[in-house]
Amino acid sequence: MRSFVSLILTFWAVAATAQDWEERQVFSSGAAGAEPLRVLSSTDVALFEPVLESFLQTHPAVEVEYLVTSTADLDRIFRADPAAYDVVISSAMDLQLKLANDGLALQLEEVVYPAQAQWRQSLFAFTTEAAAIVLNRAAFAGQALPTTRQGLIQALRADPEMFRGRVGTYDVRQSGLGYLFATQDARASETFWRLTEVMGALDARLYCCSGQMIEDVAAGELLVAYNVLGSYAAARGDLADKIEIIQPADFPTTMMRTAFVSKRSARPDPAIDFVRHVIAVQSADAGEDGFPLPPLAQTALPSTIALEPALITYLDQLKRRTFIREWESAIIQGP
């Protein structure tokens, strides 16, 4: 069935508008008069495409416009016009929780879901994804790989000239997910600040997105990328011989990708169907092949960031300014 849908499914880039999207594509079965559905997402098309294909198998009369932007921009764009989008998907759990808590997400009372993976029946998690350290294999050939943050600190300090300008991490001022990972790391251990200072002393390069960091590690432009989405790195099978993915053994940081239906959606029925479908195909026991994103864990892992009010603590403007100022002092040490 899926191969048939893949044949009839059409993809095309939509003409650029005032909004500069990272990716913008329409997915359709080709049915005449299809009902439009706008999905605003931070998840790359390549990783979400199989879910979109499987949705159209059961909803051929829906045409999905899939719009990709960064987590921080997604929050800003949606807040500016919540009626323009039907479904919102993001890896920045804190920003998503704040949107739901501000009354911008539709409550779906009919969805039965684990308590740890939903917020007030309006925000639903559908993956479990850990932050990772991604290394250039060639650079670490013949060496013991750093398996903890302290081990990474020691490796960087042992050969600073080799790593100078070749260490990367999120720019937490621009990336909502990067800010989430950084604040959660800082809550867990002071090691985060020591590592940040060491990376800063090595002229760390700052990024908006995991994808570019992974590409640069594979190309040798970077030798180390810190707090990269492990799921994105694992999905790059074409780079498996060039990169090494490390899940820190000291304290992992694991997020859940979430989705909600806009409370102001003009098409709530297909939007609800879409979120229900995402939940179904990403469940741990769905038994589906071809879905690159890891499923939601059946039980909450100790390392998983919880969907709870404490999650939005660092979104307080004063706390955010203070955190950003301390982070800048640690990571930007040049003139």
C-alpha atoms as a PDB file:
ATOM      1  CA  MET A   1       0.000   0.000   0.000  1.00  0.00           C
ATOM      2  CA  ARG A   2       2.729   2.449   0.911  1.00  0.00           C
ATOM      3  CA  SER A   3       4.605   1.933  -2.346  1.00  0.00           C
ATOM      4  CA  PHE A   4       1.387   2.749  -4.236  1.00  0.00           C
ATOM      5  CA  VAL A   5       0.887   5.955  -2.294  1.00  0.00           C
ATOM      6  CA  SER A   6       4.504   6.902  -2.864  1.00  0.00           C
ATOM      7  CA  LEU A   7       3.874   6.652  -6.603  1.00  0.00           C
ATOM      8  CA  ILE A   8       0.790   8.852  -6.656  1.00  0.00           C
ATOM      9  CA  LEU A   9       1.988  11.317  -4.019  1.00  0.00           C
ATOM     10  CA  THR A  10       3.200  14.567  -5.493  1.00  0.00           C
ATOM     11  CA  PHE A  11       5.629  17.015  -3.941  1.00  0.00           C
ATOM     12  CA  TRP A  12       6.383  20.509  -5.034  1.00  0.00           C
ATOM     13  CA  ALA A  13       7.995  23.571  -3.562  1.00  0.00           C
ATOM     14  CA  VAL A  14       5.602  26.420  -3.005  1.00  0.00           C
ATOM     15  CA  ALA A  15       6.586  29.826  -4.313  1.00  0.00           C
ATOM     16  CA  ALA A  16       8.375  31.992  -1.816  1.00  0.00           C
ATOM     17  CA  THR A  17       6.332  34.493   0.148  1.00  0.00           C
ATOM     18  CA  ALA A  18       7.172  37.179   2.653  1.00  0.00           C
ATOM     19  CA  GLN A  19       8.041  34.458   5.167  1.00  0.00           C
ATOM     20  CA  ASP A  20      11.438  32.909   4.499  1.00  0.00           C
ATOM     21  CA  TRP A  21      10.814  29.245   5.320  1.00  0.00           C
ATOM     22  CA  GLU A  22      13.666  26.761   5.722  1.00  0.00           C
ATOM     23  CA  GLU A  23      11.523  24.250   3.841  1.00  0.00           C
ATOM     24  CA  ARG A  24       8.040  24.592   2.400  1.00  0.00           C
ATOM     25  CA  GLN A  25       6.330  21.747   0.554  1.00  0.00           C
ATOM     26  CA  VAL A  26       2.837  20.581  -0.250  1.00  0.00           C
ATOM     27  CA  PHE A  27       1.925  16.892   0.034  1.00  0.00           C
ATOM     28  CA  SER A  28      -1.138  15.669  -1.813  1.00  0.00           C
ATOM     29  CA  SER A  29      -2.700  12.473  -3.150  1.00  0.00           C
ATOM     30  CA  GLY A  30      -3.804  14.446  -6.187  1.00  0.00           C
ATOM     31  CA  ALA A  31      -7.511  14.323  -5.316  1.00  0.00           C
ATOM     32  CA  ALA A  32      -9.530  17.203  -6.735  1.00  0.00           C
ATOM     33  CA  GLY A  33     -10.855  19.714  -4.208  1.00  0.00           C
ATOM     34  CA  ALA A  34      -8.644  18.456  -1.375  1.00  0.00           C
ATOM     35  CA  GLU A  35      -9.073  20.218   1.975  1.00  0.00           C
ATOM     36  CA  PRO A  36      -5.937  22.218   2.887  1.00  0.00           C
ATOM     37  CA  LEU A  37      -4.136  21.600   6.171  1.00  0.00           C
ATOM     38  CA  ARG A  38      -1.250  23.840   7.273  1.00  0.00           C
ATOM     39  CA  VAL A  39       1.373  22.249   9.530  1.00  0.00           C
ATOM     40  CA  LEU A  40       3.962  24.548  11.123  1.00  0.00           C
ATOM     41  CA  SER A  41       6.965  22.480  12.211  1.00  0.00           C
ATOM     42  CA  SER A  42      10.590  22.532  13.295  1.00  0.00           C
ATOM     43  CA  THR A  43      11.091  18.952  12.058  1.00  0.00           C
ATOM     44  CA  ASP A  44      12.924  18.530   8.759  1.00  0.00           C
ATOM     45  CA  VAL A  45      10.812  17.303   5.847  1.00  0.00           C
ATOM     46  CA  ALA A  46      13.082  14.284   5.303  1.00  0.00           C
ATOM     47  CA  LEU A  47      12.376  13.045   8.832  1.00  0.00           C
ATOM     48  CA  PHE A  48       8.627  13.670   8.747  1.00  0.00           C
ATOM     49  CA  GLU A  49       7.870  12.681   5.170  1.00  0.00           C
ATOM     50  CA  PRO A  50       6.957   9.037   5.973  1.00  0.00           C
ATOM     51  CA  VAL A  51       4.394  10.209   8.531  1.00  0.00           C
ATOM     52  CA  LEU A  52       2.872  12.566   5.987  1.00  0.00           C
ATOM     53  CA  GLU A  53       2.728   9.782   3.397  1.00  0.00           C
ATOM     54  CA  SER A  54       0.995   7.401   5.785  1.00  0.00           C
ATOM     55  CA  PHE A  55      -1.515  10.098   6.768  1.00  0.00           C
ATOM     56  CA  LEU A  56      -2.524  10.615   3.146  1.00  0.00           C
ATOM     57  CA  GLN A  57      -3.135   6.897   2.759  1.00  0.00           C
ATOM     58  CA  THR A  58      -6.163   7.248   5.039  1.00  0.00           C
ATOM     59  CA  HIS A  59      -6.941  10.911   4.297  1.00  0.00           C
ATOM     60  CA  PRO A  60      -6.577  11.315   0.513  1.00  0.00           C
ATOM     61  CA  ALA A  61      -8.978  14.274   0.494  1.00  0.00           C
ATOM     62  CA  VAL A  62      -6.550  16.360   2.587  1.00  0.00           C
ATOM     63  CA  GLU A  63      -3.684  18.388   1.140  1.00  0.00           C
ATOM     64  CA  VAL A  64      -0.926  19.087   3.678  1.00  0.00           C
ATOM     65  CA  GLU A  65       1.167  22.230   3.420  1.00  0.00           C
ATOM     66  CA  TYR A  66       4.235  21.529   5.545  1.00  0.00           C
ATOM     67  CA  LEU A  67       6.213  24.578   6.692  1.00  0.00           C
ATOM     68  CA  VAL A  68       9.583  24.252   8.425  1.00  0.00           C
ATOM     69  CA  THR A  69      11.373  26.879  10.483  1.00  0.00           C
ATOM     70  CA  SER A  70      13.545  27.040  13.605  1.00  0.00           C
ATOM     71  CA  THR A  71      12.045  26.438  17.035  1.00  0.00           C
ATOM     72  CA  ALA A  72      12.416  30.062  18.123  1.00  0.00           C
ATOM     73  CA  ASP A  73      10.997  31.443  14.872  1.00  0.00           C
ATOM     74  CA  LEU A  74       8.153  28.916  15.000  1.00  0.00           C
ATOM     75  CA  ASP A  75       7.044  30.279  18.366  1.00  0.00           C
ATOM     76  CA  ARG A  76       7.200  33.859  17.127  1.00  0.00           C
ATOM     77  CA  ILE A  77       5.415  33.154  13.835  1.00  0.00           C
ATOM     78  CA  PHE A  78       2.593  31.189  15.426  1.00  0.00           C
ATOM     79  CA  ARG A  79       1.979  33.750  18.178  1.00  0.00           C
ATOM     80  CA  ALA A  80       1.718  36.475  15.547  1.00  0.00           C
ATOM     81  CA  ASP A  81      -1.079  34.662  13.660  1.00  0.00           C
ATOM     82  CA  PRO A  82      -2.394  31.465  15.318  1.00  0.00           C
ATOM     83  CA  ALA A  83      -5.347  31.293  12.921  1.00  0.00           C
ATOM     84  CA  ALA A  84      -2.986  30.809   9.961  1.00  0.00           C
ATOM     85  CA  TYR A  85      -1.862  27.334  11.060  1.00  0.00           C
ATOM     86  CA  ASP A  86      -3.738  24.162  11.954  1.00  0.00           C
ATOM     87  CA  VAL A  87      -1.081  21.975  13.613  1.00  0.00           C
ATOM     88  CA  VAL A  88       2.134  23.011  15.372  1.00  0.00           C
ATOM     89  CA  ILE A  89       5.067  20.608  15.884  1.00  0.00           C
ATOM     90  CA  SER A  90       8.276  21.475  17.716  1.00  0.00           C
ATOM     91  CA  SER A  91      11.172  19.984  19.654  1.00  0.00           C
ATOM     92  CA  ALA A  92      11.286  22.994  22.013  1.00  0.00           C
ATOM     93  CA  MET A  93       9.115  21.559  24.780  1.00  0.00           C
ATOM     94  CA  ASP A  94       9.209  24.671  26.924  1.00  0.00           C
ATOM     95  CA  LEU A  95       8.009  26.977  24.157  1.00  0.00           C
ATOM     96  CA  GLN A  96       5.293  24.495  23.206  1.00  0.00           C
ATOM     97  CA  LEU A  97       4.127  24.186  26.797  1.00  0.00           C
ATOM     98  CA  LYS A  98       3.984  27.974  27.073  1.00  0.00           C
ATOM     99  CA  LEU A  99       1.844  28.181  23.903  1.00  0.00           C
ATOM    100  CA  ALA A 100      -0.545  25.573  25.287  1.00  0.00           C
ATOM    101  CA  ASN A 101      -0.590  27.191  28.709  1.00  0.00           C
ATOM    102  CA  ASP A 102      -1.425  30.528  27.090  1.00  0.00           C
ATOM    103  CA  GLY A 103      -4.592  28.993  25.659  1.00  0.00           C
ATOM    104  CA  LEU A 104      -3.455  28.691  22.034  1.00  0.00           C
ATOM    105  CA  ALA A 105      -3.885  24.900  21.795  1.00  0.00           C
ATOM    106  CA  LEU A 106      -7.181  23.060  21.325  1.00  0.00           C
ATOM    107  CA  GLN A 107      -8.122  20.524  24.007  1.00  0.00           C
ATOM    108  CA  LEU A 108      -8.667  17.041  22.571  1.00  0.00           C
ATOM    109  CA  GLU A 109     -10.669  15.330  25.259  1.00  0.00           C
ATOM    110  CA  GLU A 110     -11.206  12.185  23.182  1.00  0.00           C
ATOM    111  CA  VAL A 111      -7.477  11.375  22.971  1.00  0.00           C
ATOM    112  CA  VAL A 112      -6.460   8.851  25.652  1.00  0.00           C
ATOM    113  CA  TYR A 113      -2.792   9.394  26.371  1.00  0.00           C
ATOM    114  CA  PRO A 114      -0.156   8.738  29.079  1.00  0.00           C
ATOM    115  CA  ALA A 115      -0.142  11.498  31.667  1.00  0.00           C
ATOM    116  CA  GLN A 116       3.618  12.058  31.386  1.00  0.00           C
ATOM    117  CA  ALA A 117       3.360  12.650  27.636  1.00  0.00           C
ATOM    118  CA  GLN A 118       0.584  15.252  27.487  1.00  0.00           C
ATOM    119  CA  TRP A 119      -0.344  18.592  29.012  1.00  0.00           C
ATOM    120  CA  ARG A 120      -3.981  19.267  29.827  1.00  0.00           C
ATOM    121  CA  GLN A 121      -5.138  17.216  26.841  1.00  0.00           C
ATOM    122  CA  SER A 122      -3.861  19.929  24.521  1.00  0.00           C
ATOM    123  CA  LEU A 123      -0.145  19.238  23.994  1.00  0.00           C
ATOM    124  CA  PHE A 124       0.966  15.719  23.018  1.00  0.00           C
ATOM    125  CA  ALA A 125       4.458  14.224  22.920  1.00  0.00           C
ATOM    126  CA  PHE A 126       5.173  11.676  20.206  1.00  0.00           C
ATOM    127  CA  THR A 127       8.932  10.978  20.344  1.00  0.00           C
ATOM    128  CA  THR A 128      11.666  10.463  22.930  1.00  0.00           C
ATOM    129  CA  GLU A 129      14.964  11.952  21.702  1.00  0.00           C
ATOM    130  CA  ALA A 130      18.245  12.435  23.550  1.00  0.00           C
ATOM    131  CA  ALA A 131      20.856  15.138  23.133  1.00  0.00           C
ATOM    132  CA  ALA A 132      24.172  13.709  21.987  1.00  0.00           C
ATOM    133  CA  ILE A 133      27.839  14.483  21.463  1.00  0.00           C
ATOM    134  CA  VAL A 134      28.755  13.923  17.806  1.00  0.00           C
ATOM    135  CA  LEU A 135      32.418  13.308  16.998  1.00  0.00           C
ATOM    136  CA  ASN A 136      34.421  13.160  13.793  1.00  0.00           C
ATOM    137  CA  ARG A 137      35.565   9.530  13.601  1.00  0.00           C
ATOM    138  CA  ALA A 138      38.861  10.267  11.889  1.00  0.00           C
ATOM    139  CA  ALA A 139      39.883  12.826  14.529  1.00  0.00           C
ATOM    140  CA  PHE A 140      39.398  10.318  17.347  1.00  0.00           C
ATOM    141  CA  ALA A 141      40.822   7.270  15.560  1.00  0.00           C
ATOM    142  CA  GLY A 142      42.916   5.188  17.950  1.00  0.00           C
ATOM    143  CA  GLN A 143      41.803   7.213  20.982  1.00  0.00           C
ATOM    144  CA  ALA A 144      39.421   6.450  23.807  1.00  0.00           C
ATOM    145  CA  LEU A 145      36.153   8.219  23.054  1.00  0.00           C
ATOM    146  CA  PRO A 146      34.843  10.697  25.651  1.00  0.00           C
ATOM    147  CA  THR A 147      31.654   9.195  27.089  1.00  0.00           C
ATOM    148  CA  THR A 148      30.853  11.915  29.637  1.00  0.00           C
ATOM    149  CA  ARG A 149      30.964  15.702  29.716  1.00  0.00           C
ATOM    150  CA  GLN A 150      34.010  15.555  31.994  1.00  0.00           C
ATOM    151  CA  GLY A 151      35.661  13.187  29.540  1.00  0.00           C
ATOM    152  CA  LEU A 152      34.960  15.655  26.736  1.00  0.00           C
ATOM    153  CA  ILE A 153      36.473  18.474  28.796  1.00  0.00           C
ATOM    154  CA  GLN A 154      39.634  16.409  29.287  1.00  0.00           C
ATOM    155  CA  ALA A 155      39.866  15.559  25.568  1.00  0.00           C
ATOM    156  CA  LEU A 156      39.496  19.212  24.547  1.00  0.00           C
ATOM    157  CA  ARG A 157      42.063  20.396  27.098  1.00  0.00           C
ATOM    158  CA  ALA A 158      44.572  17.691  26.073  1.00  0.00           C
ATOM    159  CA  ASP A 159      44.960  19.089  22.533  1.00  0.00           C
ATOM    160  CA  PRO A 160      43.534  22.613  22.352  1.00  0.00           C
ATOM    161  CA  GLU A 161      45.184  23.512  19.051  1.00  0.00           C
ATOM    162  CA  MET A 162      43.601  20.576  17.260  1.00  0.00           C
ATOM    163  CA  PHE A 163      40.141  21.578  18.479  1.00  0.00           C
ATOM    164  CA  ARG A 164      40.448  25.355  18.181  1.00  0.00           C
ATOM    165  CA  GLY A 165      37.614  26.647  15.991  1.00  0.00           C
ATOM    166  CA  ARG A 166      36.419  23.089  15.382  1.00  0.00           C
ATOM    167  CA  VAL A 167      33.956  22.645  18.249  1.00  0.00           C
ATOM    168  CA  GLY A 168      30.294  23.459  17.709  1.00  0.00           C
ATOM    169  CA  THR A 169      27.136  23.830  19.736  1.00  0.00           C
ATOM    170  CA  TYR A 170      23.785  25.596  19.598  1.00  0.00           C
ATOM    171  CA  ASP A 171      23.539  29.365  19.726  1.00  0.00           C
ATOM    172  CA  VAL A 172      21.018  29.426  22.558  1.00  0.00           C
ATOM    173  CA  ARG A 173      20.055  33.003  21.672  1.00  0.00           C
ATOM    174  CA  GLN A 174      18.644  31.800  18.352  1.00  0.00           C
ATOM    175  CA  SER A 175      17.625  28.179  18.961  1.00  0.00           C
ATOM    176  CA  GLY A 176      14.683  27.335  21.176  1.00  0.00           C
ATOM    177  CA  LEU A 177      15.814  23.712  21.439  1.00  0.00           C
ATOM    178  CA  GLY A 178      19.380  24.770  22.145  1.00  0.00           C
ATOM    179  CA  TYR A 179      18.155  27.001  24.964  1.00  0.00           C
ATOM    180  CA  LEU A 180      16.050  24.154  26.371  1.00  0.00           C
ATOM    181  CA  PHE A 181      18.978  21.725  26.349  1.00  0.00           C
ATOM    182  CA  ALA A 182      21.342  24.288  27.877  1.00  0.00           C
ATOM    183  CA  THR A 183      19.032  25.272  30.730  1.00  0.00           C
ATOM    184  CA  GLN A 184      18.268  21.631  31.520  1.00  0.00           C
ATOM    185  CA  ASP A 185      21.997  20.812  31.493  1.00  0.00           C
ATOM    186  CA  ALA A 186      22.709  23.725  33.808  1.00  0.00           C
ATOM    187  CA  ARG A 187      20.010  22.533  36.227  1.00  0.00           C
ATOM    188  CA  ALA A 188      21.532  19.058  36.294  1.00  0.00           C
ATOM    189  CA  SER A 189      25.203  19.814  36.882  1.00  0.00           C
ATOM    190  CA  GLU A 190      27.838  22.527  37.085  1.00  0.00           C
ATOM    191  CA  THR A 191      29.806  20.475  34.551  1.00  0.00           C
ATOM    192  CA  PHE A 192      27.781  22.237  31.862  1.00  0.00           C
ATOM    193  CA  TRP A 193      29.292  25.603  32.723  1.00  0.00           C
ATOM    194  CA  ARG A 194      32.842  24.203  32.864  1.00  0.00           C
ATOM    195  CA  LEU A 195      32.369  22.565  29.463  1.00  0.00           C
ATOM    196  CA  THR A 196      30.883  25.773  28.033  1.00  0.00           C
ATOM    197  CA  GLU A 197      33.900  27.760  29.236  1.00  0.00           C
ATOM    198  CA  VAL A 198      36.306  25.225  27.710  1.00  0.00           C
ATOM    199  CA  MET A 199      34.440  25.341  24.380  1.00  0.00           C
ATOM    200  CA  GLY A 200      34.446  29.135  24.522  1.00  0.00           C
ATOM    201  CA  ALA A 201      38.213  29.216  25.064  1.00  0.00           C
ATOM    202  CA  LEU A 202      38.519  27.141  21.885  1.00  0.00           C
ATOM    203  CA  ASP A 203      36.525  29.658  19.824  1.00  0.00           C
ATOM    204  CA  ALA A 204      33.445  27.464  19.608  1.00  0.00           C
ATOM    205  CA  ARG A 205      31.277  27.862  16.513  1.00  0.00           C
ATOM    206  CA  LEU A 206      27.603  28.526  17.188  1.00  0.00           C
ATOM    207  CA  TYR A 207      24.713  27.036  15.194  1.00  0.00           C
ATOM    208  CA  CYS A 208      20.974  27.345  14.877  1.00  0.00           C
ATOM    209  CA  CYS A 209      20.317  23.716  13.994  1.00  0.00           C
ATOM    210  CA  SER A 210      21.497  20.145  14.540  1.00  0.00           C
ATOM    211  CA  GLY A 211      21.518  19.311  10.837  1.00  0.00           C
ATOM    212  CA  GLN A 212      24.282  21.748   9.935  1.00  0.00           C
ATOM    213  CA  MET A 213      26.413  20.712  12.915  1.00  0.00           C
ATOM    214  CA  ILE A 214      26.173  17.059  11.840  1.00  0.00           C
ATOM    215  CA  GLU A 215      27.135  17.947   8.266  1.00  0.00           C
ATOM    216  CA  ASP A 216      30.138  19.948   9.453  1.00  0.00           C
ATOM    217  CA  VAL A 217      31.354  17.164  11.756  1.00  0.00           C
ATOM    218  CA  ALA A 218      31.157  14.672   8.887  1.00  0.00           C
ATOM    219  CA  ALA A 219      33.064  17.083   6.625  1.00  0.00           C
ATOM    220  CA  GLY A 220      35.775  17.677   9.247  1.00  0.00           C
ATOM    221  CA  GLU A 221      34.902  21.357   9.619  1.00  0.00           C
ATOM    222  CA  LEU A 222      34.035  20.452  13.205  1.00  0.00           C
ATOM    223  CA  LEU A 223      35.580  17.659  15.240  1.00  0.00           C
ATOM    224  CA  VAL A 224      33.029  17.857  18.068  1.00  0.00           C
ATOM    225  CA  ALA A 225      29.418  19.007  18.219  1.00  0.00           C
ATOM    226  CA  TYR A 226      27.762  19.209  21.629  1.00  0.00           C
ATOM    227  CA  ASN A 227      24.057  18.798  22.453  1.00  0.00           C
ATOM    228  CA  VAL A 228      23.137  17.683  18.944  1.00  0.00           C
ATOM    229  CA  LEU A 229      19.836  15.859  18.469  1.00  0.00           C
ATOM    230  CA  GLY A 230      20.884  12.216  18.491  1.00  0.00           C
ATOM    231  CA  SER A 231      17.864  11.239  16.375  1.00  0.00           C
ATOM    232  CA  TYR A 232      18.979  13.558  13.559  1.00  0.00           C
ATOM    233  CA  ALA A 233      22.504  12.144  13.660  1.00  0.00           C
ATOM    234  CA  ALA A 234      21.255   8.539  13.731  1.00  0.00           C
ATOM    235  CA  ALA A 235      19.019   9.212  10.726  1.00  0.00           C
ATOM    236  CA  ARG A 236      22.071  10.139   8.644  1.00  0.00           C
ATOM    237  CA  GLY A 237      23.022   6.619   7.677  1.00  0.00           C
ATOM    238  CA  ASP A 238      24.992   8.070   4.775  1.00  0.00           C
ATOM    239  CA  LEU A 239      27.387   9.635   7.303  1.00  0.00           C
ATOM    240  CA  ALA A 240      27.705   6.640   9.665  1.00  0.00           C
ATOM    241  CA  ASP A 241      31.323   5.961   8.664  1.00  0.00           C
ATOM    242  CA  LYS A 242      32.313   9.582   9.362  1.00  0.00           C
ATOM    243  CA  ILE A 243      30.601  10.402  12.660  1.00  0.00           C
ATOM    244  CA  GLU A 244      30.385   8.833  16.114  1.00  0.00           C
ATOM    245  CA  ILE A 245      27.290   9.456  18.240  1.00  0.00           C
ATOM    246  CA  ILE A 246      27.832   9.521  22.006  1.00  0.00           C
ATOM    247  CA  GLN A 247      25.022   9.542  24.557  1.00  0.00           C
ATOM    248  CA  PRO A 248      26.678  11.088  27.654  1.00  0.00           C
ATOM    249  CA  ALA A 249      26.848   8.493  30.405  1.00  0.00           C
ATOM    250  CA  ASP A 250      26.966  11.023  33.267  1.00  0.00           C
ATOM    251  CA  PHE A 251      23.500  12.504  32.804  1.00  0.00           C
ATOM    252  CA  PRO A 252      21.585  12.231  29.546  1.00  0.00           C
ATOM    253  CA  THR A 253      19.205  15.002  28.499  1.00  0.00           C
ATOM    254  CA  THR A 254      16.144  13.669  26.695  1.00  0.00           C
ATOM    255  CA  MET A 255      13.353  15.703  25.161  1.00  0.00           C
ATOM    256  CA  MET A 256       9.963  14.767  23.735  1.00  0.00           C
ATOM    257  CA  ARG A 257       8.870  16.265  20.416  1.00  0.00           C
ATOM    258  CA  THR A 258       5.329  17.618  20.758  1.00  0.00           C
ATOM    259  CA  ALA A 259       2.335  18.559  18.624  1.00  0.00           C
ATOM    260  CA  PHE A 260      -0.910  20.424  19.147  1.00  0.00           C
ATOM    261  CA  VAL A 261      -3.915  21.661  17.184  1.00  0.00           C
ATOM    262  CA  SER A 262      -4.260  25.424  16.990  1.00  0.00           C
ATOM    263  CA  LYS A 263      -7.279  26.561  18.978  1.00  0.00           C
ATOM    264  CA  ARG A 264      -8.013  28.990  16.139  1.00  0.00           C
ATOM    265  CA  SER A 265      -7.703  26.431  13.353  1.00  0.00           C
ATOM    266  CA  ALA A 266     -10.321  26.858  10.648  1.00  0.00           C
ATOM    267  CA  ARG A 267     -10.068  23.119   9.949  1.00  0.00           C
ATOM    268  CA  PRO A 268     -10.097  21.421  13.358  1.00  0.00           C
ATOM    269  CA  ASP A 269     -11.402  18.043  12.157  1.00  0.00           C
ATOM    270  CA  PRO A 270      -8.535  17.130   9.786  1.00  0.00           C
ATOM    271  CA  ALA A 271      -6.102  18.802  12.198  1.00  0.00           C
ATOM    272  CA  ILE A 272      -7.286  16.554  15.036  1.00  0.00           C
ATOM    273  CA  ASP A 273      -7.100  13.537  12.729  1.00  0.00           C
ATOM    274  CA  PHE A 274      -3.534  14.495  11.834  1.00  0.00           C
ATOM    275  CA  VAL A 275      -2.383  14.733  15.463  1.00  0.00           C
ATOM    276  CA  ARG A 276      -4.112  11.454  16.293  1.00  0.00           C
ATOM    277  CA  HIS A 277      -2.343   9.845  13.340  1.00  0.00           C
ATOM    278  CA  VAL A 278       1.062  11.150  14.427  1.00  0.00           C
ATOM    279  CA  ILE A 279       0.449   9.765  17.912  1.00  0.00           C
ATOM    280  CA  ALA A 280      -0.596   6.384  16.512  1.00  0.00           C
ATOM    281  CA  VAL A 281       2.318   5.852  14.122  1.00  0.00           C
ATOM    282  CA  GLN A 282       4.874   7.063  16.674  1.00  0.00           C
ATOM    283  CA  SER A 283       3.660   4.829  19.507  1.00  0.00           C
ATOM    284  CA  ALA A 284       6.273   2.336  20.666  1.00  0.00           C
ATOM    285  CA  ASP A 285       4.087  -0.639  19.742  1.00  0.00           C
ATOM    286  CA  ALA A 286       2.900   0.651  16.353  1.00  0.00           C
ATOM    287  CA  GLY A 287       5.125  -1.806  14.534  1.00  0.00           C
ATOM    288  CA  GLU A 288       5.585   0.520  11.540  1.00  0.00           C
ATOM    289  CA  ASP A 289       8.718   0.545   9.420  1.00  0.00           C
ATOM    290  CA  GLY A 290      10.212   3.576   7.732  1.00  0.00           C
ATOM    291  CA  PHE A 291       9.599   6.225  10.401  1.00  0.00           C
ATOM    292  CA  PRO A 292      12.977   7.896  11.074  1.00  0.00           C
ATOM    293  CA  LEU A 293      12.007   9.600  14.330  1.00  0.00           C
ATOM    294  CA  PRO A 294      12.239   7.405  17.452  1.00  0.00           C
ATOM    295  CA  PRO A 295       8.887   6.481  19.020  1.00  0.00           C
ATOM    296  CA  LEU A 296       7.606   7.757  22.327  1.00  0.00           C
ATOM    297  CA  ALA A 297       8.958   5.653  25.186  1.00  0.00           C
ATOM    298  CA  GLN A 298       6.219   3.575  26.799  1.00  0.00           C
ATOM    299  CA  THR A 299       7.246   4.804  30.238  1.00  0.00           C
ATOM    300  CA  ALA A 300       8.934   8.068  31.184  1.00  0.00           C
ATOM    301  CA  LEU A 301      12.716   7.719  31.344  1.00  0.00           C
ATOM    302  CA  PRO A 302      14.498   9.310  34.334  1.00  0.00           C
ATOM    303  CA  SER A 303      16.397  11.534  31.901  1.00  0.00           C
ATOM    304  CA  THR A 304      13.288  12.782  30.086  1.00  0.00           C
ATOM    305  CA  ILE A 305      12.406  16.443  30.459  1.00  0.00           C
ATOM    306  CA  ALA A 306       8.950  16.508  32.014  1.00  0.00           C
ATOM    307  CA  LEU A 307       5.911  18.309  30.628  1.00  0.00           C
ATOM    308  CA  GLU A 308       5.226  20.309  33.760  1.00  0.00           C
ATOM    309  CA  PRO A 309       5.002  23.980  34.808  1.00  0.00           C
ATOM    310  CA  ALA A 310       8.639  24.022  35.982  1.00  0.00           C
ATOM    311  CA  LEU A 311       9.638  23.576  32.354  1.00  0.00           C
ATOM    312  CA  ILE A 312       8.797  27.189  31.527  1.00  0.00           C
ATOM    313  CA  THR A 313      10.772  28.668  34.440  1.00  0.00           C
ATOM    314  CA  TYR A 314      13.613  29.797  32.201  1.00  0.00           C
ATOM    315  CA  LEU A 315      11.189  31.493  29.797  1.00  0.00           C
ATOM    316  CA  ASP A 316      10.682  34.207  32.383  1.00  0.00           C
ATOM    317  CA  GLN A 317      12.231  37.297  30.771  1.00  0.00           C
ATOM    318  CA  LEU A 318      14.500  38.128  33.713  1.00  0.00           C
ATOM    319  CA  LYS A 319      15.704  34.541  34.117  1.00  0.00           C
ATOM    320  CA  ARG A 320      16.287  34.246  30.369  1.00  0.00           C
ATOM    321  CA  ARG A 321      18.311  37.472  30.233  1.00  0.00           C
ATOM    322  CA  THR A 322      20.415  36.340  33.192  1.00  0.00           C
ATOM    323  CA  PHE A 323      21.041  32.901  31.705  1.00  0.00           C
ATOM    324  CA  ILE A 324      21.932  34.309  28.284  1.00  0.00           C
ATOM    325  CA  ARG A 325      24.329  36.814  29.847  1.00  0.00           C
ATOM    326  CA  GLU A 326      26.125  34.064  31.803  1.00  0.00           C
ATOM    327  CA  TRP A 327      26.209  31.810  28.730  1.00  0.00           C
ATOM    328  CA  GLU A 328      27.662  34.605  26.561  1.00  0.00           C
ATOM    329  CA  SER A 329      30.368  35.249  29.154  1.00  0.00           C
ATOM    330  CA  ALA A 330      31.336  31.578  29.038  1.00  0.00           C
ATOM    331  CA  ILE A 331      31.102  30.818  25.310  1.00  0.00           C
ATOM    332  CA  ILE A 332      32.208  34.118  23.732  1.00  0.00           C
ATOM    333  CA  GLN A 333      35.679  34.874  25.041  1.00  0.00           C
ATOM    334  CA  GLY A 334      37.220  36.643  22.072  1.00  0.00           C
ATOM    335  CA  PRO A 335      37.911  40.403  21.800  1.00  0.00           C
END
